[in-house]
């Protein structure tokens, strides 16, 4: 029986993931790490509140078997690219480092399609940089999930994502664009949960076409 730690538990993927993990027979406890208190009805799920700007002061919360990092924000929400970077790179990297130092053996990261540390696109560059850094950490297994546009019910309206959800499915009928098809956050959570139950080692990356060839 394993203990799973989830960062980004209030987001589109995170909310679905914790529910699915709690339903897994092999998971004894699900610990959600959040910046505000959240109460859950399921006794397998517990919540720990942290100040992400001072994660070293909460290092003991990052002890378990599996770490799931679904944390992320947008430039609009953060206020600037620099502020977005703090959440998308700095906080997530620090969480991964603390977990690795505490002996967590498996790490599951939500990244992005086309993530590349050398990209001229700020968002893709941040995601790629984070991937490059976490793969150097001493986890027994690292799984990186690279979905395209995420669909599902979010807090707040995002015009760009709504527009993309209409246009991308049409464009992605072309074989070369298949990997960019929109995908529901719940589907990504399902894949993460499924992979966490497998006995594997090393670094694996999951692109949309490889994970869900028949979805959306």
N, C-alpha and C. Protein backbone atom coordinates (compact mmCIF):
# COMPACT_ATOMS: atom_id res chain seq x y z
N UNK A 1 0.85 -1.20 0.00
CA UNK A 1 0.00 0.00 0.00
C UNK A 1 0.88 1.25 0.00
N UNK A 2 0.56 2.19 -0.87
CA UNK A 2 1.42 3.35 -1.06
C UNK A 2 0.74 4.66 -0.63
N UNK A 3 1.61 5.63 -0.34
CA UNK A 3 1.14 6.98 -0.04
C UNK A 3 1.45 7.87 -1.23
N UNK A 4 0.42 8.56 -1.72
CA UNK A 4 0.56 9.45 -2.86
C UNK A 4 0.47 10.90 -2.40
N UNK A 5 1.35 11.74 -2.91
CA UNK A 5 1.36 13.17 -2.62
C UNK A 5 0.97 13.90 -3.90
N UNK A 6 0.02 14.82 -3.80
CA UNK A 6 -0.45 15.53 -4.99
C UNK A 6 -0.29 17.03 -4.80
N UNK A 7 0.45 17.66 -5.69
CA UNK A 7 0.59 19.11 -5.71
C UNK A 7 -0.18 19.63 -6.93
N UNK A 8 -0.97 20.67 -6.73
CA UNK A 8 -1.85 21.13 -7.80
C UNK A 8 -3.18 20.40 -7.75
N UNK A 9 -3.60 20.05 -6.54
CA UNK A 9 -4.80 19.24 -6.34
C UNK A 9 -6.09 19.98 -6.63
N UNK A 10 -6.04 21.30 -6.75
CA UNK A 10 -7.27 22.06 -6.99
C UNK A 10 -7.48 22.37 -8.47
N UNK A 11 -6.54 21.95 -9.31
CA UNK A 11 -6.63 22.24 -10.74
C UNK A 11 -7.45 21.22 -11.50
N UNK A 12 -7.53 21.42 -12.80
CA UNK A 12 -8.35 20.59 -13.67
C UNK A 12 -7.96 19.11 -13.59
N UNK A 13 -6.67 18.82 -13.69
CA UNK A 13 -6.21 17.44 -13.61
C UNK A 13 -6.16 16.96 -12.17
N UNK A 14 -5.66 17.81 -11.28
CA UNK A 14 -5.47 17.42 -9.89
C UNK A 14 -6.74 16.97 -9.20
N UNK A 15 -7.84 17.67 -9.41
CA UNK A 15 -9.10 17.31 -8.76
C UNK A 15 -9.57 15.92 -9.17
N UNK A 16 -9.41 15.60 -10.44
CA UNK A 16 -9.79 14.27 -10.91
C UNK A 16 -8.81 13.21 -10.42
N UNK A 17 -7.53 13.58 -10.39
CA UNK A 17 -6.50 12.62 -9.99
C UNK A 17 -6.67 12.15 -8.56
N UNK A 18 -6.91 13.07 -7.64
CA UNK A 18 -7.01 12.65 -6.23
C UNK A 18 -8.22 11.73 -6.02
N UNK A 19 -9.29 11.98 -6.75
CA UNK A 19 -10.47 11.12 -6.65
C UNK A 19 -10.14 9.71 -7.15
N UNK A 20 -9.44 9.64 -8.27
CA UNK A 20 -9.10 8.33 -8.83
C UNK A 20 -8.08 7.59 -7.97
N UNK A 21 -7.11 8.32 -7.44
CA UNK A 21 -6.12 7.67 -6.57
C UNK A 21 -6.78 7.10 -5.32
N UNK A 22 -7.73 7.85 -4.76
CA UNK A 22 -8.41 7.39 -3.55
C UNK A 22 -9.23 6.13 -3.79
N UNK A 23 -9.59 5.90 -5.05
CA UNK A 23 -10.37 4.71 -5.39
C UNK A 23 -9.49 3.51 -5.69
N UNK A 24 -8.17 3.71 -5.77
CA UNK A 24 -7.24 2.62 -6.07
C UNK A 24 -6.97 1.78 -4.82
N UNK A 25 -7.09 0.49 -4.97
CA UNK A 25 -6.86 -0.41 -3.83
C UNK A 25 -5.42 -0.36 -3.35
N UNK A 26 -4.49 -0.07 -4.25
CA UNK A 26 -3.08 -0.06 -3.88
C UNK A 26 -2.61 1.22 -3.22
N UNK A 27 -3.48 2.22 -3.13
CA UNK A 27 -3.15 3.49 -2.50
C UNK A 27 -3.79 3.57 -1.12
N UNK A 28 -2.95 3.68 -0.09
CA UNK A 28 -3.45 3.73 1.28
C UNK A 28 -3.84 5.14 1.69
N UNK A 29 -3.11 6.14 1.18
CA UNK A 29 -3.33 7.52 1.59
C UNK A 29 -2.99 8.47 0.45
N UNK A 30 -3.80 9.51 0.32
CA UNK A 30 -3.55 10.57 -0.66
C UNK A 30 -3.40 11.88 0.12
N UNK A 31 -2.23 12.50 0.00
CA UNK A 31 -1.96 13.77 0.69
C UNK A 31 -1.98 14.89 -0.34
N UNK A 32 -2.87 15.85 -0.17
CA UNK A 32 -2.91 16.99 -1.08
C UNK A 32 -2.17 18.16 -0.43
N UNK A 33 -1.31 18.79 -1.21
CA UNK A 33 -0.53 19.94 -0.74
C UNK A 33 -1.11 21.19 -1.40
N UNK A 34 -1.66 22.08 -0.61
CA UNK A 34 -2.32 23.26 -1.15
C UNK A 34 -1.94 24.52 -0.37
N UNK A 35 -2.29 25.67 -0.93
CA UNK A 35 -2.00 26.94 -0.25
C UNK A 35 -3.17 27.39 0.63
N UNK A 36 -4.31 26.73 0.49
CA UNK A 36 -5.45 27.02 1.35
C UNK A 36 -6.10 25.71 1.78
N UNK A 37 -6.77 25.73 2.91
CA UNK A 37 -7.34 24.52 3.49
C UNK A 37 -8.47 23.97 2.64
N UNK A 38 -8.44 22.65 2.42
CA UNK A 38 -9.50 21.97 1.68
C UNK A 38 -9.94 20.75 2.49
N UNK A 39 -11.23 20.57 2.62
CA UNK A 39 -11.77 19.42 3.36
C UNK A 39 -12.29 18.38 2.37
N UNK A 40 -12.02 17.13 2.65
CA UNK A 40 -12.45 16.03 1.80
C UNK A 40 -13.33 15.06 2.59
N UNK A 41 -14.28 14.44 1.89
CA UNK A 41 -15.17 13.48 2.52
C UNK A 41 -14.53 12.10 2.64
N UNK A 42 -13.58 11.81 1.74
CA UNK A 42 -12.95 10.49 1.73
C UNK A 42 -11.87 10.40 2.81
N UNK A 43 -11.95 9.40 3.71
CA UNK A 43 -10.95 9.29 4.79
C UNK A 43 -9.53 8.99 4.31
N UNK A 44 -9.39 8.54 3.05
CA UNK A 44 -8.05 8.26 2.52
C UNK A 44 -7.33 9.55 2.11
N UNK A 45 -8.08 10.65 1.99
CA UNK A 45 -7.49 11.90 1.51
C UNK A 45 -7.29 12.87 2.67
N UNK A 46 -6.09 13.37 2.82
CA UNK A 46 -5.80 14.38 3.84
C UNK A 46 -5.17 15.60 3.17
N UNK A 47 -5.25 16.72 3.83
CA UNK A 47 -4.78 17.98 3.25
C UNK A 47 -3.74 18.64 4.14
N UNK A 48 -2.70 19.15 3.51
CA UNK A 48 -1.67 19.90 4.22
C UNK A 48 -1.52 21.27 3.54
N UNK A 49 -1.58 22.32 4.32
CA UNK A 49 -1.47 23.68 3.80
C UNK A 49 -0.04 24.16 3.94
N UNK A 50 0.52 24.71 2.85
CA UNK A 50 1.90 25.19 2.88
C UNK A 50 1.98 26.59 2.27
N UNK A 51 3.07 27.25 2.56
CA UNK A 51 3.42 28.51 1.92
C UNK A 51 4.45 28.14 0.84
N UNK A 52 4.04 28.19 -0.41
CA UNK A 52 4.92 27.75 -1.48
C UNK A 52 6.17 28.60 -1.61
N UNK A 53 6.13 29.80 -1.07
CA UNK A 53 7.31 30.66 -1.11
C UNK A 53 8.35 30.24 -0.08
N UNK A 54 7.96 29.34 0.85
CA UNK A 54 8.87 28.88 1.89
C UNK A 54 8.73 27.37 2.07
N UNK A 55 8.89 26.64 0.99
CA UNK A 55 8.65 25.20 1.02
C UNK A 55 9.62 24.44 1.92
N UNK A 56 10.81 24.96 2.11
CA UNK A 56 11.77 24.28 3.00
C UNK A 56 11.21 24.12 4.41
N UNK A 57 10.34 25.01 4.80
CA UNK A 57 9.76 24.96 6.15
C UNK A 57 8.70 23.88 6.27
N UNK A 58 8.34 23.24 5.16
CA UNK A 58 7.29 22.21 5.17
C UNK A 58 7.79 20.91 4.56
N UNK A 59 9.09 20.70 4.63
CA UNK A 59 9.69 19.56 3.94
C UNK A 59 9.13 18.21 4.40
N UNK A 60 8.70 18.12 5.66
CA UNK A 60 8.22 16.85 6.19
C UNK A 60 6.92 16.40 5.54
N UNK A 61 6.20 17.29 4.87
CA UNK A 61 4.96 16.91 4.19
C UNK A 61 5.23 16.10 2.92
N UNK A 62 6.45 16.18 2.42
CA UNK A 62 6.77 15.53 1.16
C UNK A 62 7.44 14.18 1.38
N UNK A 63 6.78 13.35 2.16
CA UNK A 63 7.26 12.01 2.45
C UNK A 63 6.18 11.02 2.05
N UNK A 64 6.56 10.05 1.23
CA UNK A 64 5.60 9.05 0.77
C UNK A 64 6.25 8.18 -0.29
N UNK A 65 5.45 7.67 -1.20
CA UNK A 65 5.96 6.77 -2.24
C UNK A 65 5.87 7.39 -3.63
N UNK A 66 4.79 8.14 -3.87
CA UNK A 66 4.53 8.70 -5.19
C UNK A 66 4.28 10.19 -5.09
N UNK A 67 4.90 10.97 -5.97
CA UNK A 67 4.65 12.40 -6.03
C UNK A 67 4.04 12.75 -7.39
N UNK A 68 2.89 13.41 -7.36
CA UNK A 68 2.22 13.86 -8.57
C UNK A 68 2.23 15.39 -8.58
N UNK A 69 2.81 15.97 -9.63
CA UNK A 69 2.90 17.42 -9.73
C UNK A 69 2.03 17.91 -10.88
N UNK A 70 0.90 18.51 -10.52
CA UNK A 70 -0.06 19.03 -11.50
C UNK A 70 -0.17 20.55 -11.39
N UNK A 71 0.79 21.15 -10.75
CA UNK A 71 0.76 22.58 -10.48
C UNK A 71 1.01 23.37 -11.76
N UNK A 72 0.36 24.51 -11.87
CA UNK A 72 0.58 25.35 -13.04
C UNK A 72 -0.31 26.58 -13.01
N UNK A 73 0.08 27.58 -13.75
CA UNK A 73 -0.71 28.80 -13.83
C UNK A 73 -0.57 29.37 -15.23
N UNK A 74 -1.15 30.53 -15.46
CA UNK A 74 -1.03 31.21 -16.75
C UNK A 74 -0.42 32.58 -16.53
N UNK A 75 0.06 33.19 -17.60
CA UNK A 75 0.62 34.53 -17.50
C UNK A 75 -0.44 35.50 -16.99
N UNK A 76 -1.69 35.35 -17.46
CA UNK A 76 -2.78 36.23 -17.04
C UNK A 76 -3.05 36.09 -15.55
N UNK A 77 -3.10 34.87 -15.06
CA UNK A 77 -3.37 34.65 -13.64
C UNK A 77 -2.21 35.15 -12.78
N UNK A 78 -0.99 34.88 -13.22
CA UNK A 78 0.19 35.25 -12.43
C UNK A 78 0.49 36.74 -12.50
N UNK A 79 0.19 37.36 -13.64
CA UNK A 79 0.44 38.79 -13.79
C UNK A 79 1.61 39.12 -14.70
N UNK A 80 2.52 38.16 -14.89
CA UNK A 80 3.68 38.38 -15.75
C UNK A 80 4.34 37.03 -16.02
N UNK A 81 5.21 36.99 -17.02
CA UNK A 81 5.94 35.77 -17.32
C UNK A 81 6.85 35.39 -16.15
N UNK A 82 7.45 36.40 -15.52
CA UNK A 82 8.35 36.15 -14.39
C UNK A 82 7.60 35.50 -13.23
N UNK A 83 6.40 36.01 -12.96
CA UNK A 83 5.60 35.45 -11.87
C UNK A 83 5.10 34.06 -12.22
N UNK A 84 4.78 33.84 -13.48
CA UNK A 84 4.35 32.51 -13.93
C UNK A 84 5.49 31.51 -13.75
N UNK A 85 6.69 31.94 -14.03
CA UNK A 85 7.85 31.07 -13.90
C UNK A 85 8.05 30.59 -12.46
N UNK A 86 7.76 31.45 -11.52
CA UNK A 86 7.91 31.09 -10.10
C UNK A 86 7.05 29.86 -9.79
N UNK A 87 5.83 29.83 -10.32
CA UNK A 87 4.91 28.72 -10.07
C UNK A 87 5.26 27.51 -10.93
N UNK A 88 5.43 27.75 -12.23
CA UNK A 88 5.60 26.64 -13.17
C UNK A 88 6.98 25.99 -13.12
N UNK A 89 7.98 26.71 -12.64
CA UNK A 89 9.33 26.13 -12.57
C UNK A 89 9.82 26.06 -11.12
N UNK A 90 9.94 27.20 -10.47
CA UNK A 90 10.59 27.25 -9.15
C UNK A 90 9.86 26.41 -8.10
N UNK A 91 8.57 26.60 -7.97
CA UNK A 91 7.82 25.85 -6.95
C UNK A 91 7.84 24.35 -7.25
N UNK A 92 7.61 24.00 -8.50
CA UNK A 92 7.55 22.57 -8.84
C UNK A 92 8.91 21.90 -8.67
N UNK A 93 9.96 22.60 -9.05
CA UNK A 93 11.30 22.02 -8.89
C UNK A 93 11.62 21.83 -7.42
N UNK A 94 11.29 22.81 -6.59
CA UNK A 94 11.56 22.70 -5.16
C UNK A 94 10.80 21.55 -4.54
N UNK A 95 9.55 21.38 -4.92
CA UNK A 95 8.74 20.26 -4.42
C UNK A 95 9.41 18.93 -4.80
N UNK A 96 9.84 18.82 -6.05
CA UNK A 96 10.48 17.59 -6.51
C UNK A 96 11.77 17.32 -5.75
N UNK A 97 12.55 18.35 -5.50
CA UNK A 97 13.81 18.19 -4.77
C UNK A 97 13.55 17.72 -3.34
N UNK A 98 12.58 18.30 -2.68
CA UNK A 98 12.26 17.90 -1.31
C UNK A 98 11.79 16.45 -1.26
N UNK A 99 10.95 16.08 -2.21
CA UNK A 99 10.45 14.70 -2.25
C UNK A 99 11.58 13.71 -2.52
N UNK A 100 12.45 14.04 -3.46
CA UNK A 100 13.57 13.16 -3.77
C UNK A 100 14.48 13.00 -2.56
N UNK A 101 14.74 14.09 -1.87
CA UNK A 101 15.58 14.04 -0.68
C UNK A 101 14.94 13.23 0.44
N UNK A 102 13.61 13.17 0.44
CA UNK A 102 12.89 12.42 1.48
C UNK A 102 12.67 10.96 1.10
N UNK A 103 13.21 10.55 -0.03
CA UNK A 103 13.12 9.15 -0.41
C UNK A 103 11.90 8.75 -1.22
N UNK A 104 11.12 9.72 -1.70
CA UNK A 104 10.01 9.39 -2.59
C UNK A 104 10.61 8.78 -3.85
N UNK A 105 10.09 7.64 -4.28
CA UNK A 105 10.76 6.91 -5.36
C UNK A 105 10.20 7.18 -6.75
N UNK A 106 8.93 7.61 -6.84
CA UNK A 106 8.33 7.79 -8.16
C UNK A 106 7.71 9.18 -8.30
N UNK A 107 7.92 9.78 -9.47
CA UNK A 107 7.51 11.16 -9.71
C UNK A 107 6.73 11.25 -11.02
N UNK A 108 5.58 11.92 -10.97
CA UNK A 108 4.70 12.03 -12.11
C UNK A 108 4.40 13.52 -12.36
N UNK A 109 4.83 14.01 -13.51
CA UNK A 109 4.75 15.44 -13.80
C UNK A 109 3.85 15.73 -15.00
N UNK A 110 2.96 16.71 -14.84
CA UNK A 110 2.19 17.21 -15.97
C UNK A 110 2.98 18.33 -16.62
N UNK A 111 3.40 18.11 -17.85
CA UNK A 111 4.15 19.11 -18.60
C UNK A 111 3.29 19.61 -19.75
N UNK A 112 3.84 19.71 -20.94
CA UNK A 112 3.09 20.20 -22.09
C UNK A 112 3.64 19.63 -23.38
N UNK A 113 2.77 19.44 -24.33
CA UNK A 113 3.20 19.07 -25.67
C UNK A 113 4.18 20.11 -26.19
N UNK A 114 5.26 19.66 -26.79
CA UNK A 114 6.30 20.52 -27.36
C UNK A 114 7.13 21.26 -26.31
N UNK A 115 7.12 20.81 -25.08
CA UNK A 115 7.97 21.42 -24.06
C UNK A 115 9.42 21.32 -24.50
N UNK A 116 10.14 22.43 -24.41
CA UNK A 116 11.53 22.46 -24.88
C UNK A 116 12.25 23.60 -24.17
N UNK A 117 13.30 23.27 -23.46
CA UNK A 117 14.04 24.27 -22.71
C UNK A 117 14.67 25.34 -23.57
N UNK A 118 14.76 25.11 -24.89
CA UNK A 118 15.36 26.08 -25.80
C UNK A 118 14.31 26.78 -26.67
N UNK A 119 13.06 26.54 -26.38
CA UNK A 119 11.98 27.14 -27.17
C UNK A 119 11.96 28.65 -27.03
N UNK A 120 11.53 29.34 -28.07
CA UNK A 120 11.37 30.79 -28.02
C UNK A 120 10.05 31.17 -27.37
N UNK A 121 9.17 30.21 -27.22
CA UNK A 121 7.91 30.42 -26.52
C UNK A 121 8.15 30.30 -25.02
N UNK A 122 7.80 31.33 -24.26
CA UNK A 122 8.12 31.35 -22.83
C UNK A 122 7.50 30.18 -22.08
N UNK A 123 6.26 29.86 -22.38
CA UNK A 123 5.57 28.77 -21.69
C UNK A 123 6.25 27.42 -21.97
N UNK A 124 6.49 27.13 -23.24
CA UNK A 124 7.12 25.87 -23.61
C UNK A 124 8.56 25.79 -23.10
N UNK A 125 9.23 26.94 -23.04
CA UNK A 125 10.59 26.98 -22.51
C UNK A 125 10.60 26.64 -21.03
N UNK A 126 9.63 27.18 -20.29
CA UNK A 126 9.54 26.88 -18.85
C UNK A 126 9.28 25.40 -18.61
N UNK A 127 8.34 24.85 -19.36
CA UNK A 127 8.01 23.44 -19.20
C UNK A 127 9.21 22.55 -19.54
N UNK A 128 9.91 22.90 -20.61
CA UNK A 128 11.07 22.12 -21.00
C UNK A 128 12.19 22.22 -20.00
N UNK A 129 12.40 23.41 -19.47
CA UNK A 129 13.44 23.60 -18.46
C UNK A 129 13.16 22.77 -17.22
N UNK A 130 11.90 22.76 -16.80
CA UNK A 130 11.54 21.96 -15.63
C UNK A 130 11.78 20.48 -15.90
N UNK A 131 11.38 20.01 -17.07
CA UNK A 131 11.62 18.60 -17.41
C UNK A 131 13.11 18.28 -17.32
N UNK A 132 13.93 19.13 -17.89
CA UNK A 132 15.39 18.89 -17.89
C UNK A 132 15.93 18.80 -16.47
N UNK A 133 15.43 19.65 -15.59
CA UNK A 133 15.96 19.69 -14.23
C UNK A 133 15.47 18.52 -13.37
N UNK A 134 14.20 18.17 -13.47
CA UNK A 134 13.69 17.10 -12.60
C UNK A 134 14.23 15.73 -13.02
N UNK A 135 14.56 15.57 -14.30
CA UNK A 135 15.09 14.27 -14.72
C UNK A 135 16.50 14.02 -14.18
N UNK A 136 17.10 15.03 -13.60
CA UNK A 136 18.41 14.87 -12.97
C UNK A 136 18.31 14.46 -11.50
N UNK A 137 17.11 14.46 -10.97
CA UNK A 137 16.91 14.13 -9.56
C UNK A 137 16.90 12.61 -9.35
N UNK A 138 17.09 12.20 -8.11
CA UNK A 138 17.31 10.78 -7.81
C UNK A 138 16.01 10.02 -7.54
N UNK A 139 15.07 10.11 -8.45
CA UNK A 139 13.87 9.28 -8.38
C UNK A 139 14.14 7.94 -9.07
N UNK A 140 13.51 6.91 -8.59
CA UNK A 140 13.63 5.60 -9.23
C UNK A 140 12.90 5.59 -10.57
N UNK A 141 11.79 6.30 -10.61
CA UNK A 141 11.00 6.38 -11.83
C UNK A 141 10.46 7.79 -12.00
N UNK A 142 10.50 8.31 -13.25
CA UNK A 142 9.95 9.62 -13.57
C UNK A 142 9.05 9.47 -14.80
N UNK A 143 7.80 9.89 -14.66
CA UNK A 143 6.86 9.87 -15.78
C UNK A 143 6.45 11.31 -16.09
N UNK A 144 6.65 11.72 -17.33
CA UNK A 144 6.32 13.08 -17.75
C UNK A 144 5.20 13.01 -18.79
N UNK A 145 4.11 13.68 -18.50
CA UNK A 145 2.94 13.65 -19.36
C UNK A 145 2.85 14.98 -20.12
N UNK A 146 2.72 14.89 -21.45
CA UNK A 146 2.78 16.07 -22.30
C UNK A 146 1.49 16.25 -23.11
N UNK A 147 0.42 16.64 -22.46
CA UNK A 147 -0.83 16.85 -23.18
C UNK A 147 -0.82 18.17 -23.94
N UNK A 148 -1.72 18.27 -24.92
CA UNK A 148 -1.92 19.53 -25.63
C UNK A 148 -2.96 20.34 -24.85
N UNK A 149 -3.84 21.03 -25.53
CA UNK A 149 -4.87 21.84 -24.88
C UNK A 149 -5.76 20.98 -23.99
N UNK A 150 -5.96 21.41 -22.75
CA UNK A 150 -6.77 20.65 -21.81
C UNK A 150 -8.21 21.14 -21.81
N UNK A 151 -9.13 20.20 -21.84
CA UNK A 151 -10.55 20.50 -21.79
C UNK A 151 -11.12 20.11 -20.44
N UNK A 152 -12.21 20.77 -20.04
CA UNK A 152 -12.87 20.45 -18.78
C UNK A 152 -13.35 21.72 -18.10
N UNK A 153 -14.07 21.52 -17.01
CA UNK A 153 -14.63 22.64 -16.27
C UNK A 153 -13.56 23.27 -15.37
N UNK A 154 -13.25 24.53 -15.63
CA UNK A 154 -12.27 25.27 -14.84
C UNK A 154 -12.95 26.40 -14.09
N UNK A 155 -12.22 26.92 -13.09
CA UNK A 155 -12.66 28.14 -12.42
C UNK A 155 -12.22 29.32 -13.27
N UNK A 156 -13.16 30.11 -13.75
CA UNK A 156 -12.81 31.26 -14.59
C UNK A 156 -12.83 30.90 -16.06
N UNK A 157 -13.18 31.85 -16.88
CA UNK A 157 -13.29 31.66 -18.32
C UNK A 157 -11.96 31.99 -19.00
N UNK A 158 -11.51 31.11 -19.89
CA UNK A 158 -10.29 31.33 -20.64
C UNK A 158 -10.63 31.34 -22.12
N UNK A 159 -10.71 32.53 -22.71
CA UNK A 159 -11.15 32.66 -24.09
C UNK A 159 -10.26 31.89 -25.05
N UNK A 160 -8.94 32.00 -24.87
CA UNK A 160 -8.01 31.33 -25.76
C UNK A 160 -8.21 29.82 -25.78
N UNK A 161 -8.41 29.25 -24.60
CA UNK A 161 -8.61 27.81 -24.51
C UNK A 161 -9.95 27.41 -25.11
N UNK A 162 -10.96 28.25 -24.90
CA UNK A 162 -12.28 27.96 -25.46
C UNK A 162 -12.22 27.98 -26.98
N UNK A 163 -11.54 28.97 -27.53
CA UNK A 163 -11.39 29.06 -28.98
C UNK A 163 -10.61 27.87 -29.52
N UNK A 164 -9.55 27.51 -28.81
CA UNK A 164 -8.75 26.37 -29.24
C UNK A 164 -9.53 25.07 -29.22
N UNK A 165 -10.44 24.93 -28.26
CA UNK A 165 -11.24 23.71 -28.16
C UNK A 165 -12.18 23.55 -29.34
N UNK A 166 -12.49 24.66 -30.02
CA UNK A 166 -13.34 24.59 -31.22
C UNK A 166 -12.51 24.33 -32.47
N UNK A 167 -11.34 24.95 -32.56
CA UNK A 167 -10.55 24.91 -33.78
C UNK A 167 -9.64 23.68 -33.88
N UNK A 168 -8.95 23.35 -32.76
CA UNK A 168 -7.95 22.28 -32.81
C UNK A 168 -8.50 20.92 -33.23
N UNK A 169 -9.70 20.52 -32.76
CA UNK A 169 -10.20 19.21 -33.20
C UNK A 169 -10.32 19.09 -34.72
N UNK A 170 -10.63 20.20 -35.39
CA UNK A 170 -10.73 20.19 -36.84
C UNK A 170 -9.35 20.08 -37.49
N UNK A 171 -8.40 20.89 -37.00
CA UNK A 171 -7.05 20.87 -37.55
C UNK A 171 -6.37 19.53 -37.31
N UNK A 172 -6.67 18.91 -36.18
CA UNK A 172 -5.95 17.70 -35.78
C UNK A 172 -6.46 16.44 -36.47
N UNK A 173 -7.35 16.61 -37.43
CA UNK A 173 -7.69 15.47 -38.28
C UNK A 173 -6.53 15.13 -39.22
N UNK A 174 -5.63 16.09 -39.39
CA UNK A 174 -4.44 15.84 -40.18
C UNK A 174 -3.47 14.98 -39.38
N UNK A 175 -2.92 13.92 -39.95
CA UNK A 175 -2.04 12.99 -39.22
C UNK A 175 -0.90 13.65 -38.48
N UNK A 176 -0.26 14.63 -39.09
CA UNK A 176 0.90 15.26 -38.46
C UNK A 176 0.53 16.11 -37.25
N UNK A 177 -0.74 16.45 -37.13
CA UNK A 177 -1.18 17.29 -36.01
C UNK A 177 -1.94 16.50 -34.95
N UNK A 178 -1.93 15.19 -35.09
CA UNK A 178 -2.71 14.34 -34.19
C UNK A 178 -2.36 14.56 -32.72
N UNK A 179 -1.09 14.75 -32.44
CA UNK A 179 -0.65 14.86 -31.05
C UNK A 179 -1.13 16.14 -30.38
N UNK A 180 -1.65 17.09 -31.17
CA UNK A 180 -2.10 18.36 -30.60
C UNK A 180 -3.60 18.39 -30.33
N UNK A 181 -4.26 17.26 -30.46
CA UNK A 181 -5.69 17.22 -30.19
C UNK A 181 -5.98 17.62 -28.75
N UNK A 182 -7.03 18.39 -28.51
CA UNK A 182 -7.42 18.70 -27.13
C UNK A 182 -7.77 17.41 -26.39
N UNK A 183 -7.57 17.42 -25.09
CA UNK A 183 -7.84 16.24 -24.28
C UNK A 183 -8.41 16.67 -22.94
N UNK A 184 -9.29 15.89 -22.40
CA UNK A 184 -9.90 16.23 -21.12
C UNK A 184 -8.93 15.98 -19.96
N UNK A 185 -8.95 16.88 -18.99
CA UNK A 185 -8.09 16.74 -17.83
C UNK A 185 -8.30 15.41 -17.13
N UNK A 186 -9.52 14.93 -17.12
CA UNK A 186 -9.83 13.66 -16.47
C UNK A 186 -9.10 12.50 -17.15
N UNK A 187 -8.94 12.60 -18.47
CA UNK A 187 -8.24 11.54 -19.20
C UNK A 187 -6.75 11.52 -18.84
N UNK A 188 -6.16 12.69 -18.70
CA UNK A 188 -4.76 12.75 -18.29
C UNK A 188 -4.60 12.17 -16.89
N UNK A 189 -5.52 12.51 -15.99
CA UNK A 189 -5.48 11.98 -14.63
C UNK A 189 -5.59 10.46 -14.63
N UNK A 190 -6.43 9.94 -15.50
CA UNK A 190 -6.59 8.48 -15.60
C UNK A 190 -5.29 7.82 -16.02
N UNK A 191 -4.61 8.41 -17.01
CA UNK A 191 -3.33 7.85 -17.46
C UNK A 191 -2.29 7.90 -16.35
N UNK A 192 -2.25 9.00 -15.62
CA UNK A 192 -1.30 9.13 -14.52
C UNK A 192 -1.55 8.07 -13.46
N UNK A 193 -2.81 7.88 -13.13
CA UNK A 193 -3.17 6.89 -12.12
C UNK A 193 -2.80 5.48 -12.59
N UNK A 194 -3.09 5.18 -13.85
CA UNK A 194 -2.77 3.86 -14.40
C UNK A 194 -1.26 3.59 -14.35
N UNK A 195 -0.49 4.58 -14.74
CA UNK A 195 0.96 4.41 -14.76
C UNK A 195 1.54 4.23 -13.37
N UNK A 196 0.92 4.88 -12.38
CA UNK A 196 1.44 4.80 -11.01
C UNK A 196 1.32 3.39 -10.43
N UNK A 197 0.49 2.56 -11.03
CA UNK A 197 0.29 1.20 -10.54
C UNK A 197 1.24 0.20 -11.19
N UNK A 198 2.03 0.65 -12.18
CA UNK A 198 2.95 -0.23 -12.88
C UNK A 198 4.32 -0.26 -12.21
N UNK A 199 4.96 -1.39 -12.30
CA UNK A 199 6.29 -1.55 -11.71
C UNK A 199 7.35 -1.33 -12.79
N UNK A 200 7.79 -0.08 -12.93
CA UNK A 200 8.79 0.26 -13.93
C UNK A 200 9.83 1.19 -13.31
N UNK A 201 10.92 1.40 -14.03
CA UNK A 201 11.96 2.32 -13.58
C UNK A 201 12.40 3.19 -14.76
N UNK A 202 13.15 4.24 -14.45
CA UNK A 202 13.68 5.10 -15.50
C UNK A 202 12.76 6.27 -15.81
N UNK A 203 13.09 6.99 -16.88
CA UNK A 203 12.35 8.17 -17.31
C UNK A 203 11.48 7.83 -18.51
N UNK A 204 10.20 8.17 -18.43
CA UNK A 204 9.27 7.94 -19.53
C UNK A 204 8.52 9.22 -19.82
N UNK A 205 8.32 9.48 -21.12
CA UNK A 205 7.51 10.62 -21.54
C UNK A 205 6.30 10.11 -22.31
N UNK A 206 5.16 10.69 -22.03
CA UNK A 206 3.92 10.28 -22.67
C UNK A 206 3.32 11.44 -23.44
N UNK A 207 3.34 11.35 -24.76
CA UNK A 207 2.71 12.37 -25.59
C UNK A 207 1.26 11.95 -25.84
N UNK A 208 0.46 12.88 -26.30
CA UNK A 208 -0.97 12.63 -26.44
C UNK A 208 -1.27 11.45 -27.35
N UNK A 209 -0.61 11.38 -28.51
CA UNK A 209 -0.93 10.30 -29.44
C UNK A 209 -0.51 8.94 -28.91
N UNK A 210 0.54 8.93 -28.07
CA UNK A 210 0.99 7.67 -27.49
C UNK A 210 0.08 7.21 -26.36
N UNK A 211 -0.46 8.17 -25.61
CA UNK A 211 -1.28 7.86 -24.44
C UNK A 211 -2.72 7.53 -24.81
N UNK A 212 -3.30 8.32 -25.68
CA UNK A 212 -4.72 8.22 -25.97
C UNK A 212 -4.97 8.23 -27.47
N UNK A 213 -4.55 7.18 -28.17
CA UNK A 213 -4.65 7.19 -29.63
C UNK A 213 -6.09 7.26 -30.14
N UNK A 214 -7.05 6.89 -29.31
CA UNK A 214 -8.43 6.85 -29.79
C UNK A 214 -9.33 7.85 -29.07
N UNK A 215 -8.73 8.76 -28.31
CA UNK A 215 -9.54 9.68 -27.50
C UNK A 215 -9.67 11.05 -28.15
N UNK A 216 -10.78 11.70 -27.81
CA UNK A 216 -11.11 13.06 -28.24
C UNK A 216 -10.93 13.25 -29.74
